[in-house]
Amino acid sequence: KIYSFLENTEVFISIGTSNNVYPAA
């Protein structure tokens, strides 16, 4: 579901995360 939404994402907002831990990174 997440990657399906990402395919059409136009604005990406990251809050309170290092973006170092996968798969979220």
PDB file of all heavy atoms in Angstrom:
ATOM      1  N   LYS A   1       0.830  -1.203   0.000  1.00  0.00           N
ATOM      2  CA  LYS A   1       0.000   0.000   0.000  1.00  0.00           C
ATOM      3  C   LYS A   1       0.867   1.257   0.000  1.00  0.00           C
ATOM      4  O   LYS A   1       0.557   2.250  -0.671  1.00  0.00           O
ATOM      5  CB  LYS A   1      -0.924   0.009   1.217  1.00  0.00           C
ATOM      6  CG  LYS A   1      -2.017  -1.045   1.192  1.00  0.00           C
ATOM      7  CD  LYS A   1      -2.905  -0.924   2.424  1.00  0.00           C
ATOM      8  CE  LYS A   1      -4.025  -1.952   2.401  1.00  0.00           C
ATOM      9  NZ  LYS A   1      -4.890  -1.853   3.596  1.00  0.00           N
ATOM     10  N   ILE A   2       1.949   1.206   0.763  1.00  0.00           N
ATOM     11  CA  ILE A   2       2.831   2.371   0.863  1.00  0.00           C
ATOM     12  C   ILE A   2       3.467   2.692  -0.486  1.00  0.00           C
ATOM     13  O   ILE A   2       3.429   3.834  -0.957  1.00  0.00           O
ATOM     14  CB  ILE A   2       3.915   2.127   1.934  1.00  0.00           C
ATOM     15  CG1 ILE A   2       3.277   2.125   3.328  1.00  0.00           C
ATOM     16  CG2 ILE A   2       5.001   3.198   1.845  1.00  0.00           C
ATOM     17  CD1 ILE A   2       4.207   1.669   4.433  1.00  0.00           C
ATOM     18  N   TYR A   3       4.033   1.681  -1.133  1.00  0.00           N
ATOM     19  CA  TYR A   3       4.699   1.942  -2.418  1.00  0.00           C
ATOM     20  C   TYR A   3       3.700   2.276  -3.523  1.00  0.00           C
ATOM     21  O   TYR A   3       4.022   3.031  -4.445  1.00  0.00           O
ATOM     22  CB  TYR A   3       5.576   0.750  -2.808  1.00  0.00           C
ATOM     23  CG  TYR A   3       6.930   0.802  -2.140  1.00  0.00           C
ATOM     24  CD1 TYR A   3       7.205   0.034  -1.022  1.00  0.00           C
ATOM     25  CD2 TYR A   3       7.921   1.652  -2.613  1.00  0.00           C
ATOM     26  CE1 TYR A   3       8.448   0.096  -0.396  1.00  0.00           C
ATOM     27  CE2 TYR A   3       9.164   1.730  -1.997  1.00  0.00           C
ATOM     28  CZ  TYR A   3       9.419   0.949  -0.887  1.00  0.00           C
ATOM     29  OH  TYR A   3      10.642   1.031  -0.263  1.00  0.00           O
ATOM     30  N   SER A   4       2.501   1.746  -3.405  1.00  0.00           N
ATOM     31  CA  SER A   4       1.460   2.105  -4.361  1.00  0.00           C
ATOM     32  C   SER A   4       1.136   3.591  -4.257  1.00  0.00           C
ATOM     33  O   SER A   4       0.964   4.282  -5.276  1.00  0.00           O
ATOM     34  CB  SER A   4       0.202   1.271  -4.109  1.00  0.00           C
ATOM     35  OG  SER A   4      -0.845   1.645  -4.979  1.00  0.00           O
ATOM     36  N   PHE A   5       1.080   4.109  -3.034  1.00  0.00           N
ATOM     37  CA  PHE A   5       0.813   5.537  -2.836  1.00  0.00           C
ATOM     38  C   PHE A   5       2.020   6.368  -3.275  1.00  0.00           C
ATOM     39  O   PHE A   5       1.861   7.429  -3.891  1.00  0.00           O
ATOM     40  CB  PHE A   5       0.485   5.827  -1.374  1.00  0.00           C
ATOM     41  CG  PHE A   5      -0.083   7.204  -1.139  1.00  0.00           C
ATOM     42  CD1 PHE A   5      -1.450   7.415  -1.092  1.00  0.00           C
ATOM     43  CD2 PHE A   5       0.757   8.308  -0.996  1.00  0.00           C
ATOM     44  CE1 PHE A   5      -1.965   8.690  -0.887  1.00  0.00           C
ATOM     45  CE2 PHE A   5       0.257   9.579  -0.803  1.00  0.00           C
ATOM     46  CZ  PHE A   5      -1.113   9.769  -0.743  1.00  0.00           C
ATOM     47  N   LEU A   6       3.220   5.885  -2.972  1.00  0.00           N
ATOM     48  CA  LEU A   6       4.423   6.619  -3.340  1.00  0.00           C
ATOM     49  C   LEU A   6       4.520   6.846  -4.842  1.00  0.00           C
ATOM     50  O   LEU A   6       5.062   7.861  -5.294  1.00  0.00           O
ATOM     51  CB  LEU A   6       5.668   5.871  -2.848  1.00  0.00           C
ATOM     52  CG  LEU A   6       5.989   5.967  -1.353  1.00  0.00           C
ATOM     53  CD1 LEU A   6       7.111   5.001  -0.977  1.00  0.00           C
ATOM     54  CD2 LEU A   6       6.371   7.393  -0.969  1.00  0.00           C
ATOM     55  N   GLU A   7       3.984   5.932  -5.626  1.00  0.00           N
ATOM     56  CA  GLU A   7       4.045   6.059  -7.086  1.00  0.00           C
ATOM     57  C   GLU A   7       3.342   7.318  -7.584  1.00  0.00           C
ATOM     58  O   GLU A   7       3.657   7.826  -8.662  1.00  0.00           O
ATOM     59  CB  GLU A   7       3.435   4.818  -7.741  1.00  0.00           C
ATOM     60  CG  GLU A   7       4.298   3.568  -7.587  1.00  0.00           C
ATOM     61  CD  GLU A   7       3.658   2.346  -8.208  1.00  0.00           C
ATOM     62  OE1 GLU A   7       2.489   2.448  -8.648  1.00  0.00           O
ATOM     63  OE2 GLU A   7       4.314   1.295  -8.250  1.00  0.00           O
ATOM     64  N   ASN A   8       2.384   7.801  -6.798  1.00  0.00           N
ATOM     65  CA  ASN A   8       1.641   9.006  -7.199  1.00  0.00           C
ATOM     66  C   ASN A   8       1.874  10.186  -6.258  1.00  0.00           C
ATOM     67  O   ASN A   8       1.164  11.188  -6.327  1.00  0.00           O
ATOM     68  CB  ASN A   8       0.145   8.686  -7.256  1.00  0.00           C
ATOM     69  CG  ASN A   8      -0.175   7.639  -8.308  1.00  0.00           C
ATOM     70  OD1 ASN A   8       0.085   7.843  -9.482  1.00  0.00           O
ATOM     71  ND2 ASN A   8      -0.719   6.507  -7.890  1.00  0.00           N
ATOM     72  N   THR A   9       2.865  10.055  -5.388  1.00  0.00           N
ATOM     73  CA  THR A   9       3.156  11.116  -4.423  1.00  0.00           C
ATOM     74  C   THR A   9       3.734  12.350  -5.116  1.00  0.00           C
ATOM     75  O   THR A   9       4.582  12.232  -5.996  1.00  0.00           O
ATOM     76  CB  THR A   9       4.141  10.601  -3.351  1.00  0.00           C
ATOM     77  OG1 THR A   9       3.467   9.642  -2.525  1.00  0.00           O
ATOM     78  CG2 THR A   9       4.664  11.730  -2.481  1.00  0.00           C
ATOM     79  N   GLU A  10       3.267  13.512  -4.692  1.00  0.00           N
ATOM     80  CA  GLU A  10       3.778  14.772  -5.232  1.00  0.00           C
ATOM     81  C   GLU A  10       4.485  15.605  -4.162  1.00  0.00           C
ATOM     82  O   GLU A  10       5.297  16.466  -4.479  1.00  0.00           O
ATOM     83  CB  GLU A  10       2.623  15.584  -5.827  1.00  0.00           C
ATOM     84  CG  GLU A  10       1.950  14.900  -7.011  1.00  0.00           C
ATOM     85  CD  GLU A  10       0.689  15.603  -7.442  1.00  0.00           C
ATOM     86  OE1 GLU A  10      -0.322  15.504  -6.717  1.00  0.00           O
ATOM     87  OE2 GLU A  10       0.717  16.260  -8.500  1.00  0.00           O
ATOM     88  N   VAL A  11       4.148  15.327  -2.888  1.00  0.00           N
ATOM     89  CA  VAL A  11       4.792  16.014  -1.763  1.00  0.00           C
ATOM     90  C   VAL A  11       5.177  14.964  -0.721  1.00  0.00           C
ATOM     91  O   VAL A  11       4.336  14.189  -0.278  1.00  0.00           O
ATOM     92  CB  VAL A  11       3.851  17.056  -1.115  1.00  0.00           C
ATOM     93  CG1 VAL A  11       4.540  17.733   0.066  1.00  0.00           C
ATOM     94  CG2 VAL A  11       3.415  18.092  -2.137  1.00  0.00           C
ATOM     95  N   PHE A  12       6.457  14.941  -0.355  1.00  0.00           N
ATOM     96  CA  PHE A  12       6.965  13.997   0.637  1.00  0.00           C
ATOM     97  C   PHE A  12       7.452  14.783   1.844  1.00  0.00           C
ATOM     98  O   PHE A  12       8.327  15.643   1.711  1.00  0.00           O
ATOM     99  CB  PHE A  12       8.098  13.163   0.049  1.00  0.00           C
ATOM    100  CG  PHE A  12       8.707  12.174   1.010  1.00  0.00           C
ATOM    101  CD1 PHE A  12       8.137  10.918   1.191  1.00  0.00           C
ATOM    102  CD2 PHE A  12       9.857  12.490   1.721  1.00  0.00           C
ATOM    103  CE1 PHE A  12       8.705   9.993   2.072  1.00  0.00           C
ATOM    104  CE2 PHE A  12      10.440  11.573   2.593  1.00  0.00           C
ATOM    105  CZ  PHE A  12       9.859  10.326   2.774  1.00  0.00           C
ATOM    106  N   ILE A  13       6.878  14.482   3.010  1.00  0.00           N
ATOM    107  CA  ILE A  13       7.226  15.198   4.234  1.00  0.00           C
ATOM    108  C   ILE A  13       7.726  14.203   5.274  1.00  0.00           C
ATOM    109  O   ILE A  13       7.003  13.278   5.655  1.00  0.00           O
ATOM    110  CB  ILE A  13       6.027  15.988   4.794  1.00  0.00           C
ATOM    111  CG1 ILE A  13       5.502  16.969   3.738  1.00  0.00           C
ATOM    112  CG2 ILE A  13       6.410  16.727   6.069  1.00  0.00           C
ATOM    113  CD1 ILE A  13       4.239  17.713   4.159  1.00  0.00           C
ATOM    114  N   SER A  14       8.957  14.391   5.715  1.00  0.00           N
ATOM    115  CA  SER A  14       9.580  13.509   6.705  1.00  0.00           C
ATOM    116  C   SER A  14       9.696  14.253   8.026  1.00  0.00           C
ATOM    117  O   SER A  14      10.238  15.364   8.077  1.00  0.00           O
ATOM    118  CB  SER A  14      10.966  13.077   6.211  1.00  0.00           C
ATOM    119  OG  SER A  14      11.663  12.369   7.209  1.00  0.00           O
ATOM    120  N   ILE A  15       9.203  13.623   9.118  1.00  0.00           N
ATOM    121  CA  ILE A  15       9.166  14.308  10.421  1.00  0.00           C
ATOM    122  C   ILE A  15       9.705  13.396  11.520  1.00  0.00           C
ATOM    123  O   ILE A  15       9.200  12.286  11.736  1.00  0.00           O
ATOM    124  CB  ILE A  15       7.730  14.730  10.780  1.00  0.00           C
ATOM    125  CG1 ILE A  15       7.139  15.620   9.687  1.00  0.00           C
ATOM    126  CG2 ILE A  15       7.702  15.457  12.128  1.00  0.00           C
ATOM    127  CD1 ILE A  15       5.659  15.905   9.862  1.00  0.00           C
ATOM    128  N   GLY A  16      10.731  13.858  12.212  1.00  0.00           N
ATOM    129  CA  GLY A  16      11.223  13.147  13.387  1.00  0.00           C
ATOM    130  C   GLY A  16      11.850  11.803  13.112  1.00  0.00           C
ATOM    131  O   GLY A  16      11.794  10.912  13.967  1.00  0.00           O
ATOM    132  N   THR A  17      12.444  11.627  11.950  1.00  0.00           N
ATOM    133  CA  THR A  17      13.092  10.369  11.617  1.00  0.00           C
ATOM    134  C   THR A  17      14.416  10.636  10.913  1.00  0.00           C
ATOM    135  O   THR A  17      14.543  11.610  10.172  1.00  0.00           O
ATOM    136  CB  THR A  17      12.192   9.483  10.740  1.00  0.00           C
ATOM    137  OG1 THR A  17      12.872   8.272  10.411  1.00  0.00           O
ATOM    138  CG2 THR A  17      11.768  10.189   9.481  1.00  0.00           C
ATOM    139  N   SER A  18      15.382   9.768  11.144  1.00  0.00           N
ATOM    140  CA  SER A  18      16.714   9.959  10.579  1.00  0.00           C
ATOM    141  C   SER A  18      16.796   9.568   9.109  1.00  0.00           C
ATOM    142  O   SER A  18      17.748   9.913   8.418  1.00  0.00           O
ATOM    143  CB  SER A  18      17.729   9.122  11.362  1.00  0.00           C
ATOM    144  OG  SER A  18      17.471   7.736  11.191  1.00  0.00           O
ATOM    145  N   ASN A  19      15.797   8.798   8.629  1.00  0.00           N
ATOM    146  CA  ASN A  19      15.828   8.248   7.264  1.00  0.00           C
ATOM    147  C   ASN A  19      17.079   7.389   7.029  1.00  0.00           C
ATOM    148  O   ASN A  19      17.616   7.325   5.926  1.00  0.00           O
ATOM    149  CB  ASN A  19      15.765   9.378   6.222  1.00  0.00           C
ATOM    150  CG  ASN A  19      14.356   9.908   6.054  1.00  0.00           C
ATOM    151  OD1 ASN A  19      13.447   9.189   5.687  1.00  0.00           O
ATOM    152  ND2 ASN A  19      14.173  11.182   6.371  1.00  0.00           N
ATOM    153  N   ASN A  20      17.512   6.716   8.102  1.00  0.00           N
ATOM    154  CA  ASN A  20      18.669   5.827   8.008  1.00  0.00           C
ATOM    155  C   ASN A  20      18.289   4.356   8.112  1.00  0.00           C
ATOM    156  O   ASN A  20      19.099   3.490   7.771  1.00  0.00           O
ATOM    157  CB  ASN A  20      19.684   6.146   9.120  1.00  0.00           C
ATOM    158  CG  ASN A  20      20.457   7.426   8.859  1.00  0.00           C
ATOM    159  OD1 ASN A  20      20.686   7.788   7.711  1.00  0.00           O
ATOM    160  ND2 ASN A  20      20.851   8.117   9.919  1.00  0.00           N
ATOM    161  N   VAL A  21      17.090   4.070   8.613  1.00  0.00           N
ATOM    162  CA  VAL A  21      16.676   2.689   8.860  1.00  0.00           C
ATOM    163  C   VAL A  21      15.729   2.240   7.746  1.00  0.00           C
ATOM    164  O   VAL A  21      14.702   2.865   7.502  1.00  0.00           O
ATOM    165  CB  VAL A  21      15.986   2.560  10.236  1.00  0.00           C
ATOM    166  CG1 VAL A  21      15.560   1.114  10.484  1.00  0.00           C
ATOM    167  CG2 VAL A  21      16.933   3.028  11.343  1.00  0.00           C
ATOM    168  N   TYR A  22      16.088   1.159   7.103  1.00  0.00           N
ATOM    169  CA  TYR A  22      15.272   0.635   6.004  1.00  0.00           C
ATOM    170  C   TYR A  22      14.199  -0.303   6.543  1.00  0.00           C
ATOM    171  O   TYR A  22      14.353  -0.885   7.618  1.00  0.00           O
ATOM    172  CB  TYR A  22      16.174  -0.089   4.987  1.00  0.00           C
ATOM    173  CG  TYR A  22      16.992   0.870   4.164  1.00  0.00           C
ATOM    174  CD1 TYR A  22      18.197   1.354   4.653  1.00  0.00           C
ATOM    175  CD2 TYR A  22      16.548   1.320   2.927  1.00  0.00           C
ATOM    176  CE1 TYR A  22      18.942   2.275   3.911  1.00  0.00           C
ATOM    177  CE2 TYR A  22      17.289   2.226   2.180  1.00  0.00           C
ATOM    178  CZ  TYR A  22      18.480   2.695   2.681  1.00  0.00           C
ATOM    179  OH  TYR A  22      19.213   3.595   1.943  1.00  0.00           O
ATOM    180  N   PRO A  23      13.051  -0.402   5.834  1.00  0.00           N
ATOM    181  CA  PRO A  23      12.804   0.113   4.480  1.00  0.00           C
ATOM    182  C   PRO A  23      12.354   1.567   4.400  1.00  0.00           C
ATOM    183  O   PRO A  23      12.325   2.125   3.310  1.00  0.00           O
ATOM    184  CB  PRO A  23      11.697  -0.810   3.963  1.00  0.00           C
ATOM    185  CG  PRO A  23      10.928  -1.160   5.187  1.00  0.00           C
ATOM    186  CD  PRO A  23      11.967  -1.297   6.281  1.00  0.00           C
ATOM    187  N   ALA A  24      12.003   2.196   5.520  1.00  0.00           N
ATOM    188  CA  ALA A  24      11.521   3.579   5.453  1.00  0.00           C
ATOM    189  C   ALA A  24      12.561   4.507   4.835  1.00  0.00           C
ATOM    190  O   ALA A  24      12.216   5.455   4.116  1.00  0.00           O
ATOM    191  CB  ALA A  24      11.140   4.071   6.848  1.00  0.00           C
ATOM    192  N   ALA A  25      13.838   4.226   5.086  1.00  0.00           N
ATOM    193  CA  ALA A  25      14.898   5.062   4.528  1.00  0.00           C
ATOM    194  C   ALA A  25      14.925   4.999   3.005  1.00  0.00           C
ATOM    195  O   ALA A  25      15.477   5.895   2.353  1.00  0.00           O
ATOM    196  CB  ALA A  25      16.253   4.616   5.089  1.00  0.00           C
TER     197      ALA A  25
END
